[in-house]
Amino acid sequence: MTVSRKIVVVGSLNMDVTLGVNLLPKPNETIMGHETRQAVGGKGLNQAVALARLGCFTAMIGAVGDDVFGAQARQHLIDNRVDVSHVSTLAGLPTGMAHILVARDGQNMITVSPGANAGLTPAAVEAAADLIVEADALVVQLEVPLETVRRALEIARAHSVLTVLNPAPIIPSALSLLPLADVVTPNETELAQLSGIDGLGDAALHAALHSLIKAGAGRALVTLGGRGCAALVDGTLVHLPAYKVSAVDATGAGDVFNGALVSQLAGGAKWLLALRYALAAGALSVSRASADAAPTPAQIDAFMREVA
């Protein structure tokens, strides 16, 4: 189900430069690419757009530079009906930049230069406190300063707003945010670094996810790419397989998954139903080129009927 809810996203806005390659390069290897694309992105922007396309009233708290890329990122949000009243333009700083390699099998490698994202301060979040307090959910990632993320979570938690932490890109101090997160959504690499437990077997996944709950998170899942996701349900590890699609570009699929998940949880959906909906949204995004591949509710509903 998709229910209109108020969601606030605190996070990054970038310009993505994507280069298509046959195979991802090894260290010190130079390879030739076959396609170049440029599009706005950033985990924060991607998740905000995904939520807006799913019918949520979505507001973005972030920062761009005073350059053409910043103007393009802001306009992209406006075009997708995201509230940009708390997207700051920071003079003298470049907009964040992501360089992305995408192989023919859809796998990718990404390097991010934060630019203006690094200038998003706790004060900017406090200036938007009224917006957070009135929201049904707050979504944060880690492409902006940790203290800014923490302040947003604190404000939301103090007013019983659902808090969702996508701990990407992972940093060691992210563990300190878990007591403020109602839901934490790492991928397999992030889960291993957060928990200190490596491996994809059931025992390892159960122990790793349980460690996040012990550290303070309300609910925990792990996204597993083409293998779907796994989550704890009443203490039991549950695997949900990925929907089978022809992968074109996995860039931004995690952001679409997170946006779809939050749209459902904020609307009162049950945990497993929300996860299946998010997997469907992520599968659709993988079948499209570029990070700007968030589907609409009608497209997700049609896809789920088809695969059923």
Protein backbone atom coordinates (compact mmCIF):
# COMPACT_ATOMS: atom_id res chain seq x y z
CA MET A 1 0.00 0.00 0.00
CA THR A 2 1.10 3.59 -0.52
CA VAL A 3 -0.30 6.16 1.86
CA SER A 4 0.41 9.87 1.69
CA ARG A 5 2.70 10.64 4.61
CA LYS A 6 5.06 13.45 5.56
CA ILE A 7 8.69 12.35 5.29
CA VAL A 8 11.83 14.40 5.97
CA VAL A 9 15.12 13.33 4.39
CA VAL A 10 18.40 14.67 5.77
CA GLY A 11 21.21 13.85 3.40
CA SER A 12 23.39 14.43 0.39
CA LEU A 13 22.87 15.99 -3.01
CA ASN A 14 25.43 15.16 -5.69
CA MET A 15 26.13 15.26 -9.36
CA ASP A 16 26.72 11.71 -10.60
CA VAL A 17 29.09 11.09 -13.50
CA THR A 18 28.63 7.49 -14.65
CA LEU A 19 30.95 5.60 -16.99
CA GLY A 20 29.85 2.28 -18.48
CA VAL A 21 32.53 -0.44 -18.69
CA ASN A 22 32.64 -4.10 -19.67
CA LEU A 23 34.23 -5.21 -16.39
CA LEU A 24 35.10 -3.27 -13.26
CA PRO A 25 38.85 -2.48 -13.17
CA LYS A 26 41.40 -4.08 -10.87
CA PRO A 27 43.80 -1.89 -8.83
CA ASN A 28 46.25 0.00 -11.08
CA GLU A 29 44.39 -1.13 -14.22
CA THR A 30 43.37 1.31 -16.94
CA ILE A 31 40.32 0.34 -19.00
CA MET A 32 38.24 1.90 -21.73
CA GLY A 33 34.62 2.85 -21.15
CA HIS A 34 31.79 2.76 -23.65
CA GLU A 35 29.22 5.25 -22.32
CA THR A 36 29.17 8.38 -20.16
CA ARG A 37 26.11 9.79 -18.37
CA GLN A 38 25.66 12.76 -16.07
CA ALA A 39 22.72 13.03 -13.66
CA VAL A 40 21.90 14.45 -10.25
CA GLY A 41 22.13 11.99 -7.37
CA GLY A 42 23.34 11.53 -3.82
CA LYS A 43 21.76 9.12 -1.34
CA GLY A 44 19.66 11.85 0.23
CA LEU A 45 18.34 13.20 -3.05
CA ASN A 46 17.70 9.70 -4.44
CA GLN A 47 15.71 8.66 -1.38
CA ALA A 48 13.74 11.91 -1.33
CA VAL A 49 12.80 11.52 -4.99
CA ALA A 50 11.84 7.86 -4.46
CA LEU A 51 9.55 8.85 -1.59
CA ALA A 52 7.97 11.70 -3.54
CA ARG A 53 7.27 9.46 -6.52
CA LEU A 54 5.56 7.06 -4.14
CA GLY A 55 3.08 9.74 -3.15
CA CYS A 56 4.66 10.96 0.10
CA PHE A 57 4.93 14.65 0.94
CA THR A 58 8.71 14.82 1.10
CA ALA A 59 11.01 17.56 2.35
CA MET A 60 14.79 17.61 1.87
CA ILE A 61 17.33 19.05 4.28
CA GLY A 62 20.70 19.33 2.57
CA ALA A 63 23.27 21.61 0.97
CA VAL A 64 24.58 22.31 -2.54
CA GLY A 65 27.33 24.53 -3.88
CA ASP A 66 26.82 27.78 -5.74
CA ASP A 67 27.49 26.13 -9.09
CA VAL A 68 25.49 24.80 -12.01
CA PHE A 69 25.36 21.32 -10.48
CA GLY A 70 23.75 22.68 -7.35
CA ALA A 71 21.12 24.49 -9.40
CA GLN A 72 20.41 21.29 -11.34
CA ALA A 73 20.05 19.23 -8.16
CA ARG A 74 17.66 21.75 -6.63
CA GLN A 75 15.57 21.89 -9.82
CA HIS A 76 15.42 18.10 -10.01
CA LEU A 77 13.93 17.99 -6.51
CA ILE A 78 11.42 20.70 -7.42
CA ASP A 79 10.47 18.83 -10.59
CA ASN A 80 9.73 15.77 -8.45
CA ARG A 81 7.64 17.80 -5.97
CA VAL A 82 10.15 17.64 -3.11
CA ASP A 83 10.11 20.60 -0.70
CA VAL A 84 13.50 22.36 -1.02
CA SER A 85 12.89 25.18 1.46
CA HIS A 86 15.70 23.74 3.64
CA VAL A 87 18.20 22.97 0.88
CA SER A 88 20.97 25.52 1.45
CA THR A 89 23.32 26.96 -1.17
CA LEU A 90 26.82 27.34 0.32
CA ALA A 91 28.91 30.04 -1.32
CA GLY A 92 32.41 29.10 -2.38
CA LEU A 93 31.84 25.33 -2.16
CA PRO A 94 31.27 22.86 -5.01
CA THR A 95 28.25 20.59 -5.09
CA GLY A 96 29.03 17.00 -4.08
CA MET A 97 30.28 14.78 -6.86
CA ALA A 98 30.06 11.01 -7.38
CA HIS A 99 32.10 9.12 -9.95
CA ILE A 100 30.46 5.80 -10.83
CA LEU A 101 31.67 2.84 -12.87
CA VAL A 102 28.94 0.45 -14.02
CA ALA A 103 29.79 -2.94 -15.52
CA ARG A 104 27.64 -4.76 -18.09
CA ASP A 105 26.29 -7.07 -15.37
CA GLY A 106 24.96 -4.06 -13.44
CA GLN A 107 27.57 -4.08 -10.66
CA ASN A 108 29.15 -0.75 -9.78
CA MET A 109 31.99 1.05 -8.01
CA ILE A 110 31.40 4.54 -6.59
CA THR A 111 33.68 7.27 -5.25
CA VAL A 112 32.08 10.33 -3.65
CA SER A 113 33.58 13.77 -3.03
CA PRO A 114 31.28 15.47 -0.50
CA GLY A 115 31.70 19.13 -1.45
CA ALA A 116 28.87 21.19 0.07
CA ASN A 117 27.45 18.10 1.77
CA ALA A 118 30.27 18.39 4.31
CA GLY A 119 29.00 21.88 5.16
CA LEU A 120 25.56 20.73 6.30
CA THR A 121 25.62 21.60 10.00
CA PRO A 122 23.46 20.68 13.01
CA ALA A 123 22.26 24.30 12.94
CA ALA A 124 20.69 23.67 9.53
CA VAL A 125 18.76 20.74 11.00
CA GLU A 126 17.68 22.76 14.01
CA ALA A 127 16.38 25.46 11.66
CA ALA A 128 14.10 22.80 10.16
CA ALA A 129 13.07 21.29 13.51
CA ASP A 130 9.39 22.18 13.03
CA LEU A 131 9.40 20.22 9.79
CA ILE A 132 10.91 17.15 11.47
CA VAL A 133 8.56 17.31 14.46
CA GLU A 134 5.52 17.28 12.17
CA ALA A 135 6.80 14.39 10.02
CA ASP A 136 5.69 10.77 10.07
CA ALA A 137 9.24 9.60 9.42
CA LEU A 138 12.81 10.88 9.22
CA VAL A 139 15.34 9.24 6.89
CA VAL A 140 19.10 9.77 7.24
CA GLN A 141 22.28 8.40 5.65
CA LEU A 142 25.99 9.10 6.25
CA GLU A 143 27.09 11.26 3.30
CA VAL A 144 26.71 14.35 5.51
CA PRO A 145 28.50 15.00 8.85
CA LEU A 146 27.75 12.56 11.66
CA GLU A 147 26.89 15.29 14.16
CA THR A 148 24.27 16.64 11.75
CA VAL A 149 22.72 13.20 11.35
CA ARG A 150 22.74 12.72 15.11
CA ARG A 151 20.98 16.02 15.74
CA ALA A 152 18.25 15.18 13.24
CA LEU A 153 17.70 11.79 14.88
CA GLU A 154 17.59 13.37 18.34
CA ILE A 155 14.91 15.85 17.31
CA ALA A 156 12.83 13.14 15.68
CA ARG A 157 13.21 10.72 18.58
CA ALA A 158 12.19 13.38 21.09
CA HIS A 159 8.87 13.76 19.24
CA SER A 160 8.18 10.05 18.51
CA VAL A 161 8.86 10.41 14.78
CA LEU A 162 9.82 7.14 13.05
CA THR A 163 13.59 7.21 12.43
CA VAL A 164 15.28 5.23 9.65
CA LEU A 165 19.07 5.05 9.43
CA ASN A 166 20.65 3.90 6.17
CA PRO A 167 24.27 3.58 7.41
CA ALA A 168 25.97 4.30 4.11
CA PRO A 169 28.74 4.94 3.43
CA ILE A 170 29.72 3.12 6.60
CA ILE A 171 31.91 4.78 9.22
CA PRO A 172 32.96 3.22 12.56
CA SER A 173 31.16 5.85 14.66
CA ALA A 174 27.82 4.98 13.00
CA LEU A 175 27.33 2.41 15.76
CA SER A 176 26.69 5.27 18.19
CA LEU A 177 23.59 6.27 16.20
CA LEU A 178 21.77 2.96 16.62
CA PRO A 179 19.99 3.87 19.89
CA LEU A 180 18.32 6.69 17.92
CA ALA A 181 17.20 4.48 15.01
CA ASP A 182 13.84 2.73 14.90
CA VAL A 183 14.98 0.94 11.74
CA VAL A 184 18.52 0.38 10.45
CA THR A 185 19.08 -0.76 6.84
CA PRO A 186 22.70 -1.75 6.07
CA ASN A 187 23.87 -3.77 3.12
CA GLU A 188 26.03 -6.84 3.73
CA THR A 189 29.32 -4.89 3.83
CA GLU A 190 27.92 -2.26 6.17
CA LEU A 191 26.39 -4.92 8.42
CA ALA A 192 29.74 -6.69 8.77
CA GLN A 193 31.50 -3.46 9.71
CA LEU A 194 28.78 -2.36 12.13
CA SER A 195 28.56 -5.71 13.89
CA GLY A 196 32.10 -7.02 13.56
CA ILE A 197 30.57 -10.28 12.30
CA ASP A 198 31.36 -11.37 8.74
CA GLY A 199 29.67 -14.03 6.64
CA LEU A 200 26.41 -14.61 4.80
CA GLY A 201 25.31 -17.84 6.47
CA ASP A 202 22.16 -17.82 8.55
CA ALA A 203 24.02 -18.01 11.84
CA ALA A 204 26.29 -15.08 10.94
CA LEU A 205 23.44 -12.94 9.63
CA HIS A 206 21.29 -13.66 12.68
CA ALA A 207 24.13 -12.82 15.06
CA ALA A 208 25.04 -9.65 13.14
CA LEU A 209 21.48 -8.33 12.97
CA HIS A 210 20.86 -9.25 16.60
CA SER A 211 23.96 -7.27 17.58
CA LEU A 212 22.42 -4.16 16.02
CA ILE A 213 19.29 -4.67 18.10
CA LYS A 214 21.43 -5.12 21.22
CA ALA A 215 23.23 -1.88 20.32
CA GLY A 216 19.90 -0.03 20.40
CA ALA A 217 18.24 -0.27 16.98
CA GLY A 218 14.52 -0.99 17.00
CA ARG A 219 14.46 -3.20 13.89
CA ALA A 220 17.25 -4.39 11.61
CA LEU A 221 17.54 -5.76 8.09
CA VAL A 222 20.32 -6.38 5.61
CA THR A 223 20.05 -5.88 1.86
CA LEU A 224 21.81 -8.62 -0.13
CA GLY A 225 21.74 -7.31 -3.69
CA GLY A 226 20.61 -10.01 -6.08
CA ARG A 227 19.85 -12.31 -3.14
CA GLY A 228 17.13 -10.01 -1.78
CA CYS A 229 17.23 -9.15 1.91
CA ALA A 230 17.10 -10.71 5.35
CA ALA A 231 15.55 -9.36 8.53
CA LEU A 232 14.78 -10.31 12.08
CA VAL A 233 11.08 -10.96 12.73
CA ASP A 234 10.35 -11.56 16.42
CA GLY A 235 13.96 -12.67 16.82
CA THR A 236 13.86 -15.11 13.89
CA LEU A 237 15.93 -14.61 10.74
CA VAL A 238 13.72 -14.38 7.65
CA HIS A 239 15.06 -14.36 4.07
CA LEU A 240 13.09 -12.61 1.34
CA PRO A 241 14.39 -13.44 -2.15
CA ALA A 242 14.94 -10.77 -4.78
CA TYR A 243 12.49 -10.45 -7.66
CA LYS A 244 14.12 -11.66 -10.87
CA VAL A 245 14.76 -8.93 -13.42
CA SER A 246 17.33 -8.25 -16.12
CA ALA A 247 19.88 -6.06 -14.31
CA VAL A 248 20.98 -2.95 -16.18
CA ASP A 249 22.36 -0.67 -13.45
CA ALA A 250 22.35 -1.29 -9.70
CA THR A 251 23.26 2.33 -8.92
CA GLY A 252 20.73 3.83 -6.53
CA ALA A 253 18.81 0.57 -6.04
CA GLY A 254 19.47 0.69 -2.31
CA ASP A 255 18.11 4.23 -2.17
CA VAL A 256 14.93 3.20 -3.97
CA PHE A 257 14.60 0.23 -1.59
CA ASN A 258 14.94 2.52 1.42
CA GLY A 259 12.47 5.07 0.06
CA ALA A 260 9.88 2.41 -0.69
CA LEU A 261 10.37 0.76 2.70
CA VAL A 262 9.87 4.06 4.54
CA SER A 263 6.80 4.92 2.46
CA GLN A 264 5.20 1.70 3.66
CA LEU A 265 6.30 1.75 7.30
CA ALA A 266 5.20 5.37 7.69
CA GLY A 267 1.81 4.31 6.34
CA GLY A 268 1.45 1.56 8.92
CA ALA A 269 2.36 -1.45 6.77
CA LYS A 270 3.50 -4.63 8.47
CA TRP A 271 7.24 -5.33 8.47
CA LEU A 272 7.33 -8.21 5.95
CA LEU A 273 4.84 -6.57 3.57
CA ALA A 274 6.90 -3.38 3.62
CA LEU A 275 10.06 -5.37 2.85
CA ARG A 276 8.45 -7.16 -0.11
CA TYR A 277 7.22 -3.83 -1.50
CA ALA A 278 10.71 -2.35 -1.11
CA LEU A 279 12.25 -5.34 -2.89
CA ALA A 280 9.84 -4.85 -5.81
CA ALA A 281 10.74 -1.17 -6.06
CA GLY A 282 14.44 -1.98 -5.93
CA ALA A 283 14.09 -4.64 -8.62
CA LEU A 284 12.36 -2.21 -10.95
CA SER A 285 15.11 0.37 -10.41
CA VAL A 286 17.85 -2.18 -11.23
CA SER A 287 16.18 -2.82 -14.58
CA ARG A 288 16.65 0.84 -15.55
CA ALA A 289 19.77 2.86 -16.35
CA SER A 290 21.01 5.53 -13.89
CA ALA A 291 20.38 6.25 -10.23
CA ASP A 292 17.28 8.23 -11.21
CA ALA A 293 15.18 5.09 -11.62
CA ALA A 294 12.61 5.29 -8.82
CA PRO A 295 9.25 3.76 -9.86
CA THR A 296 5.73 4.97 -9.18
CA PRO A 297 3.12 3.12 -7.07
CA ALA A 298 1.27 2.04 -10.24
CA GLN A 299 4.45 0.56 -11.69
CA ILE A 300 5.23 -1.32 -8.47
CA ASP A 301 1.68 -2.61 -8.15
CA ALA A 302 1.68 -3.81 -11.77
CA PHE A 303 5.07 -5.48 -11.30
CA MET A 304 3.96 -7.27 -8.12
CA ARG A 305 0.82 -8.53 -9.86
CA GLU A 306 2.91 -9.78 -12.74
CA VAL A 307 5.42 -11.67 -10.61
CA ALA A 308 2.67 -13.07 -8.37
